Protein backbone atom coordinates (compact mmCIF):
# COMPACT_ATOMS: atom_id res chain seq x y z
CA MET A 1 -113.80 39.28 17.10
CA PRO A 2 -113.43 42.00 19.77
CA PRO A 3 -112.43 40.89 23.27
CA THR A 4 -115.20 40.23 25.74
CA THR A 5 -115.57 42.41 28.81
CA LEU A 6 -114.01 39.64 30.90
CA GLU A 7 -111.04 39.35 28.54
CA ALA A 8 -110.57 43.13 28.57
CA LEU A 9 -110.70 43.20 32.38
CA GLU A 10 -108.21 40.35 32.60
CA ALA A 11 -105.81 42.08 30.19
CA ALA A 12 -106.06 45.31 32.20
CA ALA A 13 -105.58 43.48 35.51
CA LEU A 14 -102.45 41.74 34.23
CA GLN A 15 -100.90 45.16 33.58
CA LEU A 16 -101.12 46.01 37.30
CA SER A 17 -98.18 45.65 39.66
CA VAL A 18 -97.94 42.59 41.90
CA ALA A 19 -99.20 44.61 44.88
CA GLU A 20 -102.14 46.02 42.90
CA ARG A 21 -103.09 42.56 41.56
CA SER A 22 -102.89 41.25 45.11
CA GLN A 23 -105.27 43.94 46.34
CA LEU A 24 -107.66 43.34 43.44
CA ALA A 25 -107.66 39.58 44.01
CA GLU A 26 -108.38 40.09 47.70
CA ARG A 27 -111.32 42.36 46.93
CA LEU A 28 -112.72 39.88 44.40
CA LEU A 29 -112.41 36.99 46.84
CA VAL A 30 -114.12 38.99 49.57
CA SER A 31 -116.95 39.77 47.19
CA LEU A 32 -117.50 36.03 46.63
CA GLU A 33 -117.43 34.89 50.25
CA GLU A 34 -117.85 37.69 52.79
CA ASP A 35 -117.79 35.30 55.77
CA ASN A 36 -115.04 32.91 54.70
CA GLU A 37 -112.22 33.75 57.13
CA ILE A 38 -110.21 30.65 56.27
CA MET A 39 -110.13 31.52 52.58
CA LEU A 40 -109.02 35.04 53.37
CA ALA A 41 -106.28 33.77 55.68
CA TRP A 42 -104.97 31.50 52.93
CA TYR A 43 -105.17 34.34 50.45
CA ALA A 44 -103.24 36.64 52.80
CA GLU A 45 -100.55 33.98 53.19
CA ALA A 46 -100.34 33.49 49.43
CA ALA A 47 -100.10 37.25 48.92
CA ARG A 48 -97.36 37.49 51.57
CA ARG A 49 -95.39 34.72 49.90
CA GLY A 50 -95.89 36.22 46.44
CA GLU A 51 -94.65 39.59 47.59
CA ALA A 52 -91.65 37.98 49.34
CA PHE A 53 -90.86 36.10 46.12
CA ALA A 54 -91.07 39.33 44.11
CA ARG A 55 -88.58 40.92 46.53
CA GLY A 56 -86.22 37.94 46.12
CA GLU A 57 -86.72 36.71 49.68
CA GLU A 58 -88.31 33.38 48.66
CA THR A 59 -87.19 30.68 46.25
CA ALA A 60 -89.44 28.88 43.80
CA PHE A 61 -89.02 25.42 42.33
CA PRO A 62 -90.52 24.05 39.10
CA ALA A 63 -93.67 22.03 39.76
CA SER A 64 -92.15 19.03 37.98
CA GLU A 65 -89.23 19.04 40.44
CA VAL A 66 -91.54 19.27 43.45
CA ILE A 67 -93.71 16.43 42.18
CA GLU A 68 -90.62 14.30 41.49
CA ARG A 69 -89.33 14.90 45.03
CA LEU A 70 -92.71 14.07 46.57
CA GLN A 71 -93.04 10.90 44.52
CA ALA A 72 -89.57 9.84 45.65
CA MET A 73 -90.51 10.50 49.28
CA ILE A 74 -93.72 8.49 48.96
CA SER A 75 -92.12 5.52 47.22
CA SER A 76 -89.01 5.22 49.40
CA PRO A 77 -89.18 3.20 52.63
CA ARG A 78 -89.13 5.29 55.77
CA SER A 79 -86.04 5.12 57.89
CA GLN A 80 -86.70 4.18 61.47
């Protein structure tokens, strides 16, 4: 079965650089919610962090490790 238009677009988009995908995502988000400034601010922050990560300026942690740390924080008594 040939790929759908959406699948073909997705495959093409995934071949773009990080910066190009960031620009494309921003344009798509704007097309969904022209007046949603909060969403755009969050997107801009996510794009900034993604670009910093790609440059090696940010560190990432596996989701399982983050969840484990948060669960430990929640279950341990607070020190006063």
